[in-house]
């Protein structure tokens, strides 16, 4: 990144201020990136755990699946999903609070004996599936934020800070050269005056 600057003290002060601001912010941004990286790993581990639990639940009822042919669609529906938002390293992430179900009317006398247990199994499976989705979404949000933070760290470390340092170095050299030239010119003028004043 080419830093735009002028060869004067005002520009030097502005660049120095920008450089110091970025150098102070860099450790904080690195910490945020590290925190996000660890949160992404945790969310992925929990999502994978829910995936395993979902598979286990489905395997547990696999033998009973033929009974679900008698299941009446619409008896169990998800009425609502209550959620809250948790802020992790400045990133708002969804948290599942509860799932509300609506159990439709059915005749206990006409329904098979396993029907109530079947509804409970369905609720458990749906709960696990919804929680897994929440953790997957959380992982995606945190990973996106981590990538942006990593880009910012790289921008500061590899582009902006070296760019500002180089610009400051150029301005300082220019000002030093200008000062040296001025002193040399003053010496020359002084020597000329002294020679002219000699009788």
Protein backbone atom coordinates (compact mmCIF):
# COMPACT_ATOMS: atom_id res chain seq x y z
CA UNK A 1 0.00 0.00 0.00
CA UNK A 2 1.46 3.30 -1.04
CA UNK A 3 1.05 5.77 1.81
CA UNK A 4 0.29 9.27 0.59
CA UNK A 5 2.34 11.91 2.34
CA UNK A 6 4.10 15.22 1.95
CA UNK A 7 7.65 16.01 2.89
CA UNK A 8 6.91 18.22 5.90
CA UNK A 9 6.66 18.01 9.69
CA UNK A 10 2.84 18.07 9.73
CA UNK A 11 2.68 15.02 7.49
CA UNK A 12 5.35 13.35 9.65
CA UNK A 13 3.28 13.93 12.80
CA UNK A 14 0.10 12.59 11.16
CA UNK A 15 1.86 9.46 9.91
CA UNK A 16 3.49 8.92 13.31
CA UNK A 17 0.06 9.20 14.96
CA UNK A 18 -1.43 6.67 12.49
CA UNK A 19 1.49 4.29 13.03
CA UNK A 20 1.23 4.43 16.83
CA UNK A 21 -2.54 3.86 16.66
CA UNK A 22 -2.08 0.72 14.56
CA UNK A 23 0.79 -0.56 16.70
CA UNK A 24 -1.37 -0.16 19.82
CA UNK A 25 -4.39 -1.83 18.17
CA UNK A 26 -2.47 -4.79 16.72
CA UNK A 27 -2.10 -6.84 19.95
CA UNK A 28 -5.82 -6.42 20.71
CA UNK A 29 -6.77 -7.54 17.22
CA UNK A 30 -4.41 -10.53 17.49
CA UNK A 31 -6.02 -11.49 20.81
CA UNK A 32 -9.46 -11.22 19.22
CA UNK A 33 -8.34 -13.44 16.34
CA UNK A 34 -6.97 -16.00 18.78
CA UNK A 35 -10.18 -15.96 20.84
CA UNK A 36 -12.31 -16.34 17.72
CA UNK A 37 -10.15 -19.21 16.47
CA UNK A 38 -10.61 -21.07 19.76
CA UNK A 39 -14.37 -20.36 19.81
CA UNK A 40 -14.70 -21.68 16.24
CA UNK A 41 -12.97 -24.91 17.33
CA UNK A 42 -15.27 -25.23 20.35
CA UNK A 43 -18.41 -24.60 18.27
CA UNK A 44 -17.26 -27.15 15.67
CA UNK A 45 -16.57 -29.73 18.40
CA UNK A 46 -20.03 -29.20 19.91
CA UNK A 47 -21.70 -29.32 16.47
CA UNK A 48 -19.87 -32.59 15.73
CA UNK A 49 -20.98 -33.91 19.12
CA UNK A 50 -24.60 -33.09 18.28
CA UNK A 51 -24.14 -34.77 14.89
CA UNK A 52 -23.01 -37.95 16.68
CA UNK A 53 -25.91 -37.71 19.13
CA UNK A 54 -28.37 -37.25 16.25
CA UNK A 55 -26.97 -40.29 14.45
CA UNK A 56 -27.13 -42.32 17.68
CA UNK A 57 -30.77 -41.30 18.28
CA UNK A 58 -31.75 -42.17 14.73
CA UNK A 59 -29.92 -45.51 14.97
CA UNK A 60 -31.66 -46.24 18.28
CA UNK A 61 -35.10 -45.90 16.70
CA UNK A 62 -34.16 -47.43 13.33
CA UNK A 63 -35.78 -50.72 14.31
CA UNK A 64 -38.94 -48.86 15.27
CA UNK A 65 -39.09 -46.86 12.03
CA UNK A 66 -41.50 -49.33 10.44
CA UNK A 67 -43.90 -48.46 13.25
CA UNK A 68 -43.75 -44.81 12.18
CA UNK A 69 -45.80 -45.75 9.12
CA UNK A 70 -48.71 -45.54 11.56
CA UNK A 71 -47.55 -42.07 12.67
CA UNK A 72 -50.00 -39.32 11.76
CA UNK A 73 -48.23 -36.39 10.08
CA UNK A 74 -48.95 -33.08 11.76
CA UNK A 75 -49.41 -34.52 15.24
CA UNK A 76 -46.13 -32.93 16.35
CA UNK A 77 -45.07 -29.56 14.93
CA UNK A 78 -42.48 -27.05 16.01
CA UNK A 79 -44.48 -24.08 17.26
CA UNK A 80 -41.50 -21.82 17.87
CA UNK A 81 -37.84 -21.62 18.63
CA UNK A 82 -36.83 -19.27 21.44
CA UNK A 83 -33.35 -17.89 21.19
CA UNK A 84 -31.13 -15.24 22.64
CA UNK A 85 -27.94 -13.61 21.44
CA UNK A 86 -24.57 -14.02 23.11
CA UNK A 87 -21.69 -11.74 22.29
CA UNK A 88 -18.43 -13.65 21.78
CA UNK A 89 -15.38 -11.46 21.12
CA UNK A 90 -17.62 -8.78 19.68
CA UNK A 91 -19.58 -11.17 17.46
CA UNK A 92 -23.30 -11.65 18.19
CA UNK A 93 -24.08 -15.38 18.06
CA UNK A 94 -27.40 -17.20 18.46
CA UNK A 95 -28.09 -19.30 21.55
CA UNK A 96 -30.97 -21.77 21.66
CA UNK A 97 -33.10 -21.22 24.75
CA UNK A 98 -35.98 -23.59 24.08
CA UNK A 99 -38.10 -25.22 21.41
CA UNK A 100 -41.87 -25.05 21.69
CA UNK A 101 -43.91 -27.88 20.24
CA UNK A 102 -47.53 -28.12 19.34
CA UNK A 103 -48.96 -31.60 19.82
CA UNK A 104 -52.07 -32.04 17.73
CA UNK A 105 -55.18 -33.86 18.86
CA UNK A 106 -55.21 -37.62 18.49
CA UNK A 107 -57.16 -40.41 20.08
CA UNK A 108 -55.29 -42.26 22.79
CA UNK A 109 -57.67 -45.19 22.36
CA UNK A 110 -57.19 -45.50 18.60
CA UNK A 111 -53.45 -44.70 18.56
CA UNK A 112 -50.89 -47.47 19.04
CA UNK A 113 -49.43 -47.90 22.53
CA UNK A 114 -46.00 -46.61 21.50
CA UNK A 115 -47.40 -43.34 20.12
CA UNK A 116 -46.68 -41.16 23.20
CA UNK A 117 -43.15 -42.56 23.45
CA UNK A 118 -42.75 -42.00 19.70
CA UNK A 119 -43.71 -38.35 20.08
CA UNK A 120 -41.15 -37.98 22.87
CA UNK A 121 -38.46 -39.60 20.68
CA UNK A 122 -39.35 -37.20 17.86
CA UNK A 123 -39.04 -34.22 20.21
CA UNK A 124 -35.59 -35.40 21.33
CA UNK A 125 -34.42 -35.88 17.73
CA UNK A 126 -35.75 -32.49 16.66
CA UNK A 127 -34.13 -30.82 19.71
CA UNK A 128 -30.75 -32.33 18.86
CA UNK A 129 -31.11 -31.38 15.17
CA UNK A 130 -32.07 -27.78 16.00
CA UNK A 131 -29.24 -27.42 18.54
CA UNK A 132 -26.81 -28.77 15.97
CA UNK A 133 -28.03 -26.16 13.48
CA UNK A 134 -27.53 -23.41 16.07
CA UNK A 135 -23.95 -24.49 16.68
CA UNK A 136 -23.30 -24.76 12.95
CA UNK A 137 -24.59 -21.20 12.50
CA UNK A 138 -22.53 -20.01 15.47
CA UNK A 139 -19.45 -21.65 13.95
CA UNK A 140 -20.09 -19.97 10.57
CA UNK A 141 -20.54 -16.52 12.14
CA UNK A 142 -17.44 -16.85 14.29
CA UNK A 143 -15.38 -18.22 11.40
CA UNK A 144 -16.43 -15.34 9.14
CA UNK A 145 -15.48 -12.85 11.88
CA UNK A 146 -12.17 -14.68 12.42
CA UNK A 147 -11.34 -14.45 8.72
CA UNK A 148 -12.06 -10.71 8.70
CA UNK A 149 -9.94 -10.25 11.82
CA UNK A 150 -7.10 -12.27 10.29
CA UNK A 151 -7.28 -10.05 7.20
CA UNK A 152 -7.08 -6.97 9.41
CA UNK A 153 -4.08 -8.38 11.31
CA UNK A 154 -2.33 -9.12 8.00
CA UNK A 155 -3.22 -5.67 6.66
CA UNK A 156 -1.75 -3.99 9.72
CA UNK A 157 1.30 -6.25 10.06
CA UNK A 158 2.30 -6.70 6.45
CA UNK A 159 1.02 -3.58 4.69
CA UNK A 160 0.07 -0.55 6.75
CA UNK A 161 2.64 -0.57 9.58
CA UNK A 162 5.62 -1.17 7.20
CA UNK A 163 4.15 1.43 4.80
CA UNK A 164 3.88 4.07 7.52
CA UNK A 165 7.37 3.22 8.82
CA UNK A 166 8.85 3.59 5.33
CA UNK A 167 7.03 6.90 4.74
CA UNK A 168 8.24 8.25 8.11
CA UNK A 169 11.79 7.17 7.28
CA UNK A 170 11.63 8.98 3.90
CA UNK A 171 10.26 12.18 5.45
CA UNK A 172 12.90 12.16 8.21
CA UNK A 173 15.68 11.68 5.66
CA UNK A 174 14.30 14.47 3.51
CA UNK A 175 14.00 16.85 6.48
CA UNK A 176 17.52 15.95 7.67
CA UNK A 177 18.92 16.52 4.17
CA UNK A 178 17.06 19.81 3.96
CA UNK A 179 18.44 20.87 7.36
CA UNK A 180 21.99 19.86 6.36
CA UNK A 181 21.68 21.80 3.11
CA UNK A 182 20.42 24.82 5.01
CA UNK A 183 23.34 24.64 7.47
CA UNK A 184 25.80 24.24 4.61
CA UNK A 185 24.29 27.21 2.80
CA UNK A 186 24.54 29.29 5.99
CA UNK A 187 28.21 28.32 6.38
CA UNK A 188 28.93 29.27 2.77
CA UNK A 189 27.19 32.63 3.20
CA UNK A 190 29.07 33.24 6.46
CA UNK A 191 32.42 32.41 4.87
CA UNK A 192 31.69 34.74 1.92
CA UNK A 193 30.76 37.58 4.26
CA UNK A 194 33.93 37.03 6.24
CA UNK A 195 36.02 37.11 3.03
CA UNK A 196 34.24 40.27 1.84
CA UNK A 197 34.80 41.97 5.17
CA UNK A 198 38.54 41.22 5.07
CA UNK A 199 40.59 44.27 3.91
